[in-house]
Amino acid sequence: MVTGFHEVAFPLQLALGTSGGPVRRTDIVSLSNGRENRNSRWRDARRHYDAGSGVKSVADLYRVLEFFEARAGQLNGFRFRDPVDFQSCGPIATVSAADQAIGTGNG
């Protein structure tokens, strides 16, 4: 089986009812002198969502099960529309080509 990424989106009607958001992985070690050492395992936050709250009927449940079976569980990634993080600009701004710098040159 080929693994990787499937170019398919999680059903939007179910995605709008999910809960979750950014998660960071930080290890905190308490030292004998009372201080702490902190280490961030990930450079950037990762997103974690619970689709269970978006399931409102048995039909919805079967749609989720069918979707994940087609992805072989967690084996393959897929598109998920985060209702608060889905555009390249701020939440009230209009998307434009100048939202983010892709690269800079020296002429």
PDB file of N, CA and C in Angstrom:
ATOM      1  N   MET A   1       0.842  -1.183   0.000  1.00  0.00           N
ATOM      2  CA  MET A   1       0.000   0.000   0.000  1.00  0.00           C
ATOM      3  C   MET A   1       0.889   1.249   0.000  1.00  0.00           C
ATOM      4  N   VAL A   2       0.573   2.186  -0.870  1.00  0.00           N
ATOM      5  CA  VAL A   2       1.319   3.439  -0.939  1.00  0.00           C
ATOM      6  C   VAL A   2       0.850   4.340   0.196  1.00  0.00           C
ATOM      7  N   THR A   3       1.811   4.880   0.949  1.00  0.00           N
ATOM      8  CA  THR A   3       1.464   5.769   2.056  1.00  0.00           C
ATOM      9  C   THR A   3       1.860   7.193   1.719  1.00  0.00           C
ATOM     10  N   GLY A   4       1.309   8.116   2.451  1.00  0.00           N
ATOM     11  CA  GLY A   4       1.658   9.506   2.234  1.00  0.00           C
ATOM     12  C   GLY A   4       0.482  10.413   2.452  1.00  0.00           C
ATOM     13  N   PHE A   5       0.032  11.030   1.377  1.00  0.00           N
ATOM     14  CA  PHE A   5      -1.015  12.038   1.472  1.00  0.00           C
ATOM     15  C   PHE A   5      -2.075  11.784   0.413  1.00  0.00           C
ATOM     16  N   HIS A   6      -3.329  11.778   0.808  1.00  0.00           N
ATOM     17  CA  HIS A   6      -4.440  11.665  -0.128  1.00  0.00           C
ATOM     18  C   HIS A   6      -5.008  13.064  -0.370  1.00  0.00           C
ATOM     19  N   GLU A   7      -5.127  13.438  -1.608  1.00  0.00           N
ATOM     20  CA  GLU A   7      -5.637  14.762  -1.976  1.00  0.00           C
ATOM     21  C   GLU A   7      -7.165  14.753  -1.912  1.00  0.00           C
ATOM     22  N   VAL A   8      -7.675  14.648  -0.701  1.00  0.00           N
ATOM     23  CA  VAL A   8      -9.114  14.626  -0.458  1.00  0.00           C
ATOM     24  C   VAL A   8      -9.375  15.362   0.852  1.00  0.00           C
ATOM     25  N   ALA A   9     -10.512  16.037   0.935  1.00  0.00           N
ATOM     26  CA  ALA A   9     -10.829  16.830   2.127  1.00  0.00           C
ATOM     27  C   ALA A   9     -11.777  16.073   3.046  1.00  0.00           C
ATOM     28  N   PHE A  10     -11.552  16.238   4.360  1.00  0.00           N
ATOM     29  CA  PHE A  10     -12.485  15.711   5.346  1.00  0.00           C
ATOM     30  C   PHE A  10     -13.816  16.420   5.119  1.00  0.00           C
ATOM     31  N   PRO A  11     -14.957  15.708   5.226  1.00  0.00           N
ATOM     32  CA  PRO A  11     -16.264  16.336   4.943  1.00  0.00           C
ATOM     33  C   PRO A  11     -16.476  17.620   5.748  1.00  0.00           C
ATOM     34  N   LEU A  12     -16.729  18.712   5.044  1.00  0.00           N
ATOM     35  CA  LEU A  12     -16.835  20.027   5.666  1.00  0.00           C
ATOM     36  C   LEU A  12     -17.959  20.087   6.705  1.00  0.00           C
ATOM     37  N   GLN A  13     -19.080  19.434   6.440  1.00  0.00           N
ATOM     38  CA  GLN A  13     -20.196  19.465   7.390  1.00  0.00           C
ATOM     39  C   GLN A  13     -19.783  18.873   8.739  1.00  0.00           C
ATOM     40  N   LEU A  14     -18.896  17.886   8.717  1.00  0.00           N
ATOM     41  CA  LEU A  14     -18.414  17.279   9.958  1.00  0.00           C
ATOM     42  C   LEU A  14     -17.258  18.072  10.549  1.00  0.00           C
ATOM     43  N   ALA A  15     -16.447  18.675   9.706  1.00  0.00           N
ATOM     44  CA  ALA A  15     -15.292  19.443  10.185  1.00  0.00           C
ATOM     45  C   ALA A  15     -15.730  20.681  10.966  1.00  0.00           C
ATOM     46  N   LEU A  16     -16.847  21.280  10.592  1.00  0.00           N
ATOM     47  CA  LEU A  16     -17.304  22.487  11.284  1.00  0.00           C
ATOM     48  C   LEU A  16     -17.753  22.205  12.700  1.00  0.00           C
ATOM     49  N   GLY A  17     -18.067  20.949  13.024  1.00  0.00           N
ATOM     50  CA  GLY A  17     -18.495  20.607  14.371  1.00  0.00           C
ATOM     51  C   GLY A  17     -17.386  20.056  15.248  1.00  0.00           C
ATOM     52  N   THR A  18     -16.155  20.032  14.760  1.00  0.00           N
ATOM     53  CA  THR A  18     -15.061  19.459  15.538  1.00  0.00           C
ATOM     54  C   THR A  18     -14.549  20.423  16.601  1.00  0.00           C
ATOM     55  N   SER A  19     -13.831  19.862  17.560  1.00  0.00           N
ATOM     56  CA  SER A  19     -13.176  20.684  18.576  1.00  0.00           C
ATOM     57  C   SER A  19     -11.684  20.391  18.529  1.00  0.00           C
ATOM     58  N   GLY A  20     -10.885  21.356  18.928  1.00  0.00           N
ATOM     59  CA  GLY A  20      -9.436  21.163  18.920  1.00  0.00           C
ATOM     60  C   GLY A  20      -8.728  22.414  18.471  1.00  0.00           C
ATOM     61  N   GLY A  21      -7.445  22.260  18.166  1.00  0.00           N
ATOM     62  CA  GLY A  21      -6.646  23.388  17.734  1.00  0.00           C
ATOM     63  C   GLY A  21      -5.167  23.105  17.885  1.00  0.00           C
ATOM     64  N   PRO A  22      -4.350  24.154  18.026  1.00  0.00           N
ATOM     65  CA  PRO A  22      -2.903  23.974  18.096  1.00  0.00           C
ATOM     66  C   PRO A  22      -2.456  23.276  19.382  1.00  0.00           C
ATOM     67  N   VAL A  23      -1.458  22.406  19.230  1.00  0.00           N
ATOM     68  CA  VAL A  23      -0.882  21.669  20.353  1.00  0.00           C
ATOM     69  C   VAL A  23       0.632  21.793  20.268  1.00  0.00           C
ATOM     70  N   ARG A  24       1.265  21.997  21.394  1.00  0.00           N
ATOM     71  CA  ARG A  24       2.737  22.042  21.453  1.00  0.00           C
ATOM     72  C   ARG A  24       3.227  20.927  22.349  1.00  0.00           C
ATOM     73  N   ARG A  25       4.407  20.429  22.067  1.00  0.00           N
ATOM     74  CA  ARG A  25       5.009  19.361  22.876  1.00  0.00           C
ATOM     75  C   ARG A  25       6.227  19.941  23.574  1.00  0.00           C
ATOM     76  N   THR A  26       6.105  20.131  24.885  1.00  0.00           N
ATOM     77  CA  THR A  26       7.189  20.703  25.675  1.00  0.00           C
ATOM     78  C   THR A  26       7.483  19.788  26.854  1.00  0.00           C
ATOM     79  N   ASP A  27       8.746  19.434  27.017  1.00  0.00           N
ATOM     80  CA  ASP A  27       9.179  18.655  28.174  1.00  0.00           C
ATOM     81  C   ASP A  27       9.675  19.611  29.247  1.00  0.00           C
ATOM     82  N   ILE A  28       9.239  19.398  30.496  1.00  0.00           N
ATOM     83  CA  ILE A  28       9.676  20.215  31.627  1.00  0.00           C
ATOM     84  C   ILE A  28      10.348  19.287  32.625  1.00  0.00           C
ATOM     85  N   VAL A  29      11.613  19.565  32.929  1.00  0.00           N
ATOM     86  CA  VAL A  29      12.372  18.767  33.889  1.00  0.00           C
ATOM     87  C   VAL A  29      12.640  19.628  35.113  1.00  0.00           C
ATOM     88  N   SER A  30      12.179  19.161  36.275  1.00  0.00           N
ATOM     89  CA  SER A  30      12.442  19.869  37.531  1.00  0.00           C
ATOM     90  C   SER A  30      13.816  19.466  38.041  1.00  0.00           C
ATOM     91  N   LEU A  31      14.655  20.446  38.297  1.00  0.00           N
ATOM     92  CA  LEU A  31      16.008  20.201  38.789  1.00  0.00           C
ATOM     93  C   LEU A  31      16.023  20.174  40.314  1.00  0.00           C
ATOM     94  N   SER A  32      17.068  19.607  40.877  1.00  0.00           N
ATOM     95  CA  SER A  32      17.163  19.476  42.333  1.00  0.00           C
ATOM     96  C   SER A  32      17.263  20.834  43.037  1.00  0.00           C
ATOM     97  N   ASN A  33      17.725  21.867  42.348  1.00  0.00           N
ATOM     98  CA  ASN A  33      17.835  23.193  42.961  1.00  0.00           C
ATOM     99  C   ASN A  33      16.533  23.996  42.867  1.00  0.00           C
ATOM    100  N   GLY A  34      15.457  23.367  42.345  1.00  0.00           N
ATOM    101  CA  GLY A  34      14.159  24.038  42.263  1.00  0.00           C
ATOM    102  C   GLY A  34      13.892  24.709  40.930  1.00  0.00           C
ATOM    103  N   ARG A  35      14.892  24.815  40.096  1.00  0.00           N
ATOM    104  CA  ARG A  35      14.688  25.422  38.773  1.00  0.00           C
ATOM    105  C   ARG A  35      14.142  24.378  37.806  1.00  0.00           C
ATOM    106  N   GLU A  36      13.808  24.851  36.617  1.00  0.00           N
ATOM    107  CA  GLU A  36      13.278  23.958  35.592  1.00  0.00           C
ATOM    108  C   GLU A  36      14.047  24.124  34.295  1.00  0.00           C
ATOM    109  N   ASN A  37      14.173  23.051  33.563  1.00  0.00           N
ATOM    110  CA  ASN A  37      14.660  23.082  32.186  1.00  0.00           C
ATOM    111  C   ASN A  37      13.490  22.753  31.284  1.00  0.00           C
ATOM    112  N   ARG A  38      13.312  23.531  30.246  1.00  0.00           N
ATOM    113  CA  ARG A  38      12.214  23.302  29.309  1.00  0.00           C
ATOM    114  C   ARG A  38      12.779  23.078  27.918  1.00  0.00           C
ATOM    115  N   ASN A  39      12.200  22.126  27.234  1.00  0.00           N
ATOM    116  CA  ASN A  39      12.636  21.789  25.884  1.00  0.00           C
ATOM    117  C   ASN A  39      11.412  21.599  24.995  1.00  0.00           C
ATOM    118  N   SER A  40      11.353  22.366  23.926  1.00  0.00           N
ATOM    119  CA  SER A  40      10.266  22.227  22.966  1.00  0.00           C
ATOM    120  C   SER A  40      10.637  21.158  21.948  1.00  0.00           C
ATOM    121  N   ARG A  41       9.845  20.106  21.871  1.00  0.00           N
ATOM    122  CA  ARG A  41      10.128  19.003  20.950  1.00  0.00           C
ATOM    123  C   ARG A  41       9.848  19.366  19.498  1.00  0.00           C
ATOM    124  N   TRP A  42       8.857  20.226  19.291  1.00  0.00           N
ATOM    125  CA  TRP A  42       8.460  20.616  17.939  1.00  0.00           C
ATOM    126  C   TRP A  42       8.735  22.098  17.749  1.00  0.00           C
ATOM    127  N   ARG A  43       9.236  22.461  16.581  1.00  0.00           N
ATOM    128  CA  ARG A  43       9.509  23.863  16.278  1.00  0.00           C
ATOM    129  C   ARG A  43       8.218  24.678  16.227  1.00  0.00           C
ATOM    130  N   ASP A  44       7.205  24.135  15.564  1.00  0.00           N
ATOM    131  CA  ASP A  44       5.917  24.818  15.415  1.00  0.00           C
ATOM    132  C   ASP A  44       4.815  23.966  16.032  1.00  0.00           C
ATOM    133  N   ALA A  45       3.706  24.592  16.316  1.00  0.00           N
ATOM    134  CA  ALA A  45       2.566  23.868  16.855  1.00  0.00           C
ATOM    135  C   ALA A  45       1.985  22.935  15.791  1.00  0.00           C
ATOM    136  N   ARG A  46       1.438  21.836  16.242  1.00  0.00           N
ATOM    137  CA  ARG A  46       0.702  20.928  15.372  1.00  0.00           C
ATOM    138  C   ARG A  46      -0.764  21.034  15.747  1.00  0.00           C
ATOM    139  N   ARG A  47      -1.625  20.684  14.834  1.00  0.00           N
ATOM    140  CA  ARG A  47      -3.066  20.768  15.085  1.00  0.00           C
ATOM    141  C   ARG A  47      -3.604  19.396  15.475  1.00  0.00           C
ATOM    142  N   HIS A  48      -4.495  19.375  16.449  1.00  0.00           N
ATOM    143  CA  HIS A  48      -5.138  18.143  16.884  1.00  0.00           C
ATOM    144  C   HIS A  48      -6.630  18.417  17.010  1.00  0.00           C
ATOM    145  N   TYR A  49      -7.452  17.574  16.401  1.00  0.00           N
ATOM    146  CA  TYR A  49      -8.896  17.780  16.405  1.00  0.00           C
ATOM    147  C   TYR A  49      -9.625  16.514  16.810  1.00  0.00           C
ATOM    148  N   ASP A  50     -10.783  16.695  17.414  1.00  0.00           N
ATOM    149  CA  ASP A  50     -11.668  15.601  17.780  1.00  0.00           C
ATOM    150  C   ASP A  50     -12.923  15.743  16.939  1.00  0.00           C
ATOM    151  N   ALA A  51     -13.106  14.820  15.998  1.00  0.00           N
ATOM    152  CA  ALA A  51     -14.251  14.892  15.088  1.00  0.00           C
ATOM    153  C   ALA A  51     -15.512  14.332  15.714  1.00  0.00           C
ATOM    154  N   GLY A  52     -15.401  13.758  16.899  1.00  0.00           N
ATOM    155  CA  GLY A  52     -16.569  13.161  17.547  1.00  0.00           C
ATOM    156  C   GLY A  52     -17.679  14.155  17.816  1.00  0.00           C
ATOM    157  N   SER A  53     -17.329  15.389  18.138  1.00  0.00           N
ATOM    158  CA  SER A  53     -18.358  16.387  18.421  1.00  0.00           C
ATOM    159  C   SER A  53     -19.084  16.859  17.168  1.00  0.00           C
ATOM    160  N   GLY A  54     -18.532  16.555  15.998  1.00  0.00           N
ATOM    161  CA  GLY A  54     -19.200  16.918  14.746  1.00  0.00           C
ATOM    162  C   GLY A  54     -20.182  15.872  14.273  1.00  0.00           C
ATOM    163  N   VAL A  55     -20.152  14.701  14.897  1.00  0.00           N
ATOM    164  CA  VAL A  55     -21.042  13.599  14.521  1.00  0.00           C
ATOM    165  C   VAL A  55     -22.379  13.798  15.215  1.00  0.00           C
ATOM    166  N   LYS A  56     -23.434  14.012  14.426  1.00  0.00           N
ATOM    167  CA  LYS A  56     -24.768  14.280  14.971  1.00  0.00           C
ATOM    168  C   LYS A  56     -25.754  13.140  14.716  1.00  0.00           C
ATOM    169  N   SER A  57     -25.394  12.193  13.859  1.00  0.00           N
ATOM    170  CA  SER A  57     -26.309  11.101  13.532  1.00  0.00           C
ATOM    171  C   SER A  57     -25.510   9.846  13.208  1.00  0.00           C
ATOM    172  N   VAL A  58     -26.207   8.732  13.086  1.00  0.00           N
ATOM    173  CA  VAL A  58     -25.551   7.484  12.712  1.00  0.00           C
ATOM    174  C   VAL A  58     -24.974   7.602  11.304  1.00  0.00           C
ATOM    175  N   ALA A  59     -25.660   8.312  10.431  1.00  0.00           N
ATOM    176  CA  ALA A  59     -25.157   8.515   9.066  1.00  0.00           C
ATOM    177  C   ALA A  59     -23.830   9.279   9.095  1.00  0.00           C
ATOM    178  N   ASP A  60     -23.722  10.288   9.953  1.00  0.00           N
ATOM    179  CA  ASP A  60     -22.468  11.040  10.106  1.00  0.00           C
ATOM    180  C   ASP A  60     -21.353  10.122  10.594  1.00  0.00           C
ATOM    181  N   LEU A  61     -21.677   9.264  11.556  1.00  0.00           N
ATOM    182  CA  LEU A  61     -20.685   8.332  12.087  1.00  0.00           C
ATOM    183  C   LEU A  61     -20.151   7.421  10.990  1.00  0.00           C
ATOM    184  N   TYR A  62     -21.034   6.920  10.150  1.00  0.00           N
ATOM    185  CA  TYR A  62     -20.597   6.051   9.058  1.00  0.00           C
ATOM    186  C   TYR A  62     -19.769   6.818   8.029  1.00  0.00           C
ATOM    187  N   ARG A  63     -20.072   8.088   7.815  1.00  0.00           N
ATOM    188  CA  ARG A  63     -19.249   8.899   6.903  1.00  0.00           C
ATOM    189  C   ARG A  63     -17.829   9.042   7.434  1.00  0.00           C
ATOM    190  N   VAL A  64     -17.682   9.284   8.744  1.00  0.00           N
ATOM    191  CA  VAL A  64     -16.364   9.396   9.359  1.00  0.00           C
ATOM    192  C   VAL A  64     -15.619   8.069   9.263  1.00  0.00           C
ATOM    193  N   LEU A  65     -16.297   6.969   9.608  1.00  0.00           N
ATOM    194  CA  LEU A  65     -15.666   5.650   9.536  1.00  0.00           C
ATOM    195  C   LEU A  65     -15.219   5.315   8.119  1.00  0.00           C
ATOM    196  N   GLU A  66     -16.081   5.591   7.146  1.00  0.00           N
ATOM    197  CA  GLU A  66     -15.742   5.325   5.744  1.00  0.00           C
ATOM    198  C   GLU A  66     -14.540   6.168   5.308  1.00  0.00           C
ATOM    199  N   PHE A  67     -14.512   7.423   5.729  1.00  0.00           N
ATOM    200  CA  PHE A  67     -13.413   8.318   5.368  1.00  0.00           C
ATOM    201  C   PHE A  67     -12.088   7.806   5.930  1.00  0.00           C
ATOM    202  N   PHE A  68     -12.072   7.434   7.209  1.00  0.00           N
ATOM    203  CA  PHE A  68     -10.832   6.977   7.828  1.00  0.00           C
ATOM    204  C   PHE A  68     -10.406   5.601   7.337  1.00  0.00           C
ATOM    205  N   GLU A  69     -11.351   4.749   7.013  1.00  0.00           N
ATOM    206  CA  GLU A  69     -10.983   3.451   6.439  1.00  0.00           C
ATOM    207  C   GLU A  69     -10.325   3.651   5.074  1.00  0.00           C
ATOM    208  N   ALA A  70     -10.811   4.602   4.297  1.00  0.00           N
ATOM    209  CA  ALA A  70     -10.207   4.892   2.987  1.00  0.00           C
ATOM    210  C   ALA A  70      -8.791   5.450   3.136  1.00  0.00           C
ATOM    211  N   ARG A  71      -8.480   6.079   4.261  1.00  0.00           N
ATOM    212  CA  ARG A  71      -7.132   6.608   4.530  1.00  0.00           C
ATOM    213  C   ARG A  71      -6.275   5.601   5.283  1.00  0.00           C
ATOM    214  N   ALA A  72      -6.805   4.414   5.572  1.00  0.00           N
ATOM    215  CA  ALA A  72      -6.124   3.384   6.372  1.00  0.00           C
ATOM    216  C   ALA A  72      -5.794   3.926   7.760  1.00  0.00           C
ATOM    217  N   GLY A  73      -6.760   4.564   8.381  1.00  0.00           N
ATOM    218  CA  GLY A  73      -6.567   5.138   9.717  1.00  0.00           C
ATOM    219  C   GLY A  73      -5.656   6.346   9.655  1.00  0.00           C
ATOM    220  N   GLN A  74      -4.555   6.301  10.387  1.00  0.00           N
ATOM    221  CA  GLN A  74      -3.613   7.415  10.420  1.00  0.00           C
ATOM    222  C   GLN A  74      -2.494   7.276   9.404  1.00  0.00           C
ATOM    223  N   LEU A  75      -2.558   6.259   8.557  1.00  0.00           N
ATOM    224  CA  LEU A  75      -1.462   5.990   7.632  1.00  0.00           C
ATOM    225  C   LEU A  75      -1.288   7.081   6.581  1.00  0.00           C
ATOM    226  N   ASN A  76      -2.388   7.678   6.131  1.00  0.00           N
ATOM    227  CA  ASN A  76      -2.320   8.683   5.069  1.00  0.00           C
ATOM    228  C   ASN A  76      -2.944   9.994   5.533  1.00  0.00           C
ATOM    229  N   GLY A  77      -2.289  11.092   5.196  1.00  0.00           N
ATOM    230  CA  GLY A  77      -2.809  12.407   5.523  1.00  0.00           C
ATOM    231  C   GLY A  77      -3.913  12.815   4.570  1.00  0.00           C
ATOM    232  N   PHE A  78      -4.590  13.892   4.909  1.00  0.00           N
ATOM    233  CA  PHE A  78      -5.688  14.404   4.086  1.00  0.00           C
ATOM    234  C   PHE A  78      -5.883  15.873   4.412  1.00  0.00           C
ATOM    235  N   ARG A  79      -6.680  16.540   3.625  1.00  0.00           N
ATOM    236  CA  ARG A  79      -6.972  17.957   3.847  1.00  0.00           C
ATOM    237  C   ARG A  79      -8.048  18.101   4.922  1.00  0.00           C
ATOM    238  N   PHE A  80      -7.847  19.081   5.798  1.00  0.00           N
ATOM    239  CA  PHE A  80      -8.824  19.375   6.842  1.00  0.00           C
ATOM    240  C   PHE A  80      -8.945  20.878   6.940  1.00  0.00           C
ATOM    241  N   ARG A  81     -10.147  21.390   6.792  1.00  0.00           N
ATOM    242  CA  ARG A  81     -10.349  22.841   6.836  1.00  0.00           C
ATOM    243  C   ARG A  81     -10.585  23.271   8.274  1.00  0.00           C
ATOM    244  N   ASP A  82      -9.629  23.991   8.804  1.00  0.00           N
ATOM    245  CA  ASP A  82      -9.742  24.553  10.143  1.00  0.00           C
ATOM    246  C   ASP A  82     -10.512  25.859  10.014  1.00  0.00           C
ATOM    247  N   PRO A  83     -11.656  25.991  10.665  1.00  0.00           N
ATOM    248  CA  PRO A  83     -12.470  27.198  10.486  1.00  0.00           C
ATOM    249  C   PRO A  83     -11.818  28.479  11.006  1.00  0.00           C
ATOM    250  N   VAL A  84     -10.768  28.383  11.812  1.00  0.00           N
ATOM    251  CA  VAL A  84     -10.098  29.594  12.296  1.00  0.00           C
ATOM    252  C   VAL A  84      -8.686  29.756  11.744  1.00  0.00           C
ATOM    253  N   ASP A  85      -8.234  28.814  10.922  1.00  0.00           N
ATOM    254  CA  ASP A  85      -6.878  28.904  10.364  1.00  0.00           C
ATOM    255  C   ASP A  85      -6.874  28.302   8.966  1.00  0.00           C
ATOM    256  N   PHE A  86      -7.490  29.007   8.024  1.00  0.00           N
ATOM    257  CA  PHE A  86      -7.597  28.456   6.680  1.00  0.00           C
ATOM    258  C   PHE A  86      -7.172  29.431   5.596  1.00  0.00           C
ATOM    259  N   GLN A  87      -6.600  30.556   5.972  1.00  0.00           N
ATOM    260  CA  GLN A  87      -6.162  31.512   4.963  1.00  0.00           C
ATOM    261  C   GLN A  87      -4.788  32.052   5.329  1.00  0.00           C
ATOM    262  N   SER A  88      -4.132  32.631   4.361  1.00  0.00           N
ATOM    263  CA  SER A  88      -2.748  33.070   4.539  1.00  0.00           C
ATOM    264  C   SER A  88      -2.612  34.409   5.245  1.00  0.00           C
ATOM    265  N   CYS A  89      -3.717  35.081   5.503  1.00  0.00           N
ATOM    266  CA  CYS A  89      -3.669  36.380   6.182  1.00  0.00           C
ATOM    267  C   CYS A  89      -4.427  36.289   7.503  1.00  0.00           C
ATOM    268  N   GLY A  90      -4.519  37.391   8.185  1.00  0.00           N
ATOM    269  CA  GLY A  90      -5.228  37.435   9.453  1.00  0.00           C
ATOM    270  C   GLY A  90      -6.718  37.172   9.291  1.00  0.00           C
ATOM    271  N   PRO A  91      -7.434  36.976  10.388  1.00  0.00           N
ATOM    272  CA  PRO A  91      -8.830  36.566  10.320  1.00  0.00           C
ATOM    273  C   PRO A  91      -9.783  37.566   9.666  1.00  0.00           C
ATOM    274  N   ILE A  92      -9.491  38.865   9.747  1.00  0.00           N
ATOM    275  CA  ILE A  92     -10.419  39.837   9.149  1.00  0.00           C
ATOM    276  C   ILE A  92      -9.853  40.489   7.896  1.00  0.00           C
ATOM    277  N   ALA A  93      -8.652  40.106   7.483  1.00  0.00           N
ATOM    278  CA  ALA A  93      -8.020  40.678   6.289  1.00  0.00           C
ATOM    279  C   ALA A  93      -8.472  39.929   5.036  1.00  0.00           C
ATOM    280  N   THR A  94      -8.237  40.544   3.893  1.00  0.00           N
ATOM    281  CA  THR A  94      -8.546  39.933   2.617  1.00  0.00           C
ATOM    282  C   THR A  94      -7.299  39.252   2.066  1.00  0.00           C
ATOM    283  N   VAL A  95      -7.467  38.032   1.578  1.00  0.00           N
ATOM    284  CA  VAL A  95      -6.339  37.275   1.034  1.00  0.00           C
ATOM    285  C   VAL A  95      -5.784  37.982  -0.194  1.00  0.00           C
ATOM    286  N   SER A  96      -4.444  38.116  -0.245  1.00  0.00           N
ATOM    287  CA  SER A  96      -3.786  38.729  -1.395  1.00  0.00           C
ATOM    288  C   SER A  96      -2.460  38.030  -1.648  1.00  0.00           C
ATOM    289  N   ALA A  97      -1.849  38.340  -2.760  1.00  0.00           N
ATOM    290  CA  ALA A  97      -0.565  37.731  -3.120  1.00  0.00           C
ATOM    291  C   ALA A  97       0.564  38.188  -2.210  1.00  0.00           C
ATOM    292  N   ALA A  98       0.379  39.285  -1.470  1.00  0.00           N
ATOM    293  CA  ALA A  98       1.431  39.825  -0.610  1.00  0.00           C
ATOM    294  C   ALA A  98       1.242  39.446   0.866  1.00  0.00           C
ATOM    295  N   ASP A  99       0.374  38.484   1.161  1.00  0.00           N
ATOM    296  CA  ASP A  99       0.124  38.077   2.550  1.00  0.00           C
ATOM    297  C   ASP A  99       1.378  37.603   3.264  1.00  0.00           C
ATOM    298  N   GLN A 100       2.155  36.763   2.595  1.00  0.00           N
ATOM    299  CA  GLN A 100       3.332  36.170   3.197  1.00  0.00           C
ATOM    300  C   GLN A 100       4.498  36.233   2.238  1.00  0.00           C
ATOM    301  N   ALA A 101       5.681  36.455   2.781  1.00  0.00           N
ATOM    302  CA  ALA A 101       6.870  36.464   1.949  1.00  0.00           C
ATOM    303  C   ALA A 101       7.267  35.020   1.654  1.00  0.00           C
ATOM    304  N   ILE A 102       7.439  34.704   0.374  1.00  0.00           N
ATOM    305  CA  ILE A 102       7.854  33.349  -0.019  1.00  0.00           C
ATOM    306  C   ILE A 102       9.366  33.289  -0.103  1.00  0.00           C
ATOM    307  N   GLY A 103       9.979  34.359  -0.491  1.00  0.00           N
ATOM    308  CA  GLY A 103      11.434  34.409  -0.568  1.00  0.00           C
ATOM    309  C   GLY A 103      11.862  35.815  -0.955  1.00  0.00           C
ATOM    310  N   THR A 104      13.119  36.115  -0.695  1.00  0.00           N
ATOM    311  CA  THR A 104      13.666  37.402  -1.083  1.00  0.00           C
ATOM    312  C   THR A 104      14.952  37.166  -1.831  1.00  0.00           C
ATOM    313  N   GLY A 105      15.195  38.019  -2.785  1.00  0.00           N
ATOM    314  CA  GLY A 105      16.403  37.898  -3.582  1.00  0.00           C
ATOM    315  C   GLY A 105      17.329  39.075  -3.376  1.00  0.00           C
ATOM    316  N   ASN A 106      18.494  38.985  -3.975  1.00  0.00           N
ATOM    317  CA  ASN A 106      19.451  40.074  -3.840  1.00  0.00           C
ATOM    318  C   ASN A 106      19.610  40.852  -5.143  1.00  0.00           C
ATOM    319  N   GLY A 107      18.655  40.684  -6.030  1.00  0.00           N
ATOM    320  CA  GLY A 107      18.675  41.445  -7.270  1.00  0.00           C
ATOM    321  C   GLY A 107      19.298  40.703  -8.365  1.00  0.00           C
TER     322      GLY A 107
END
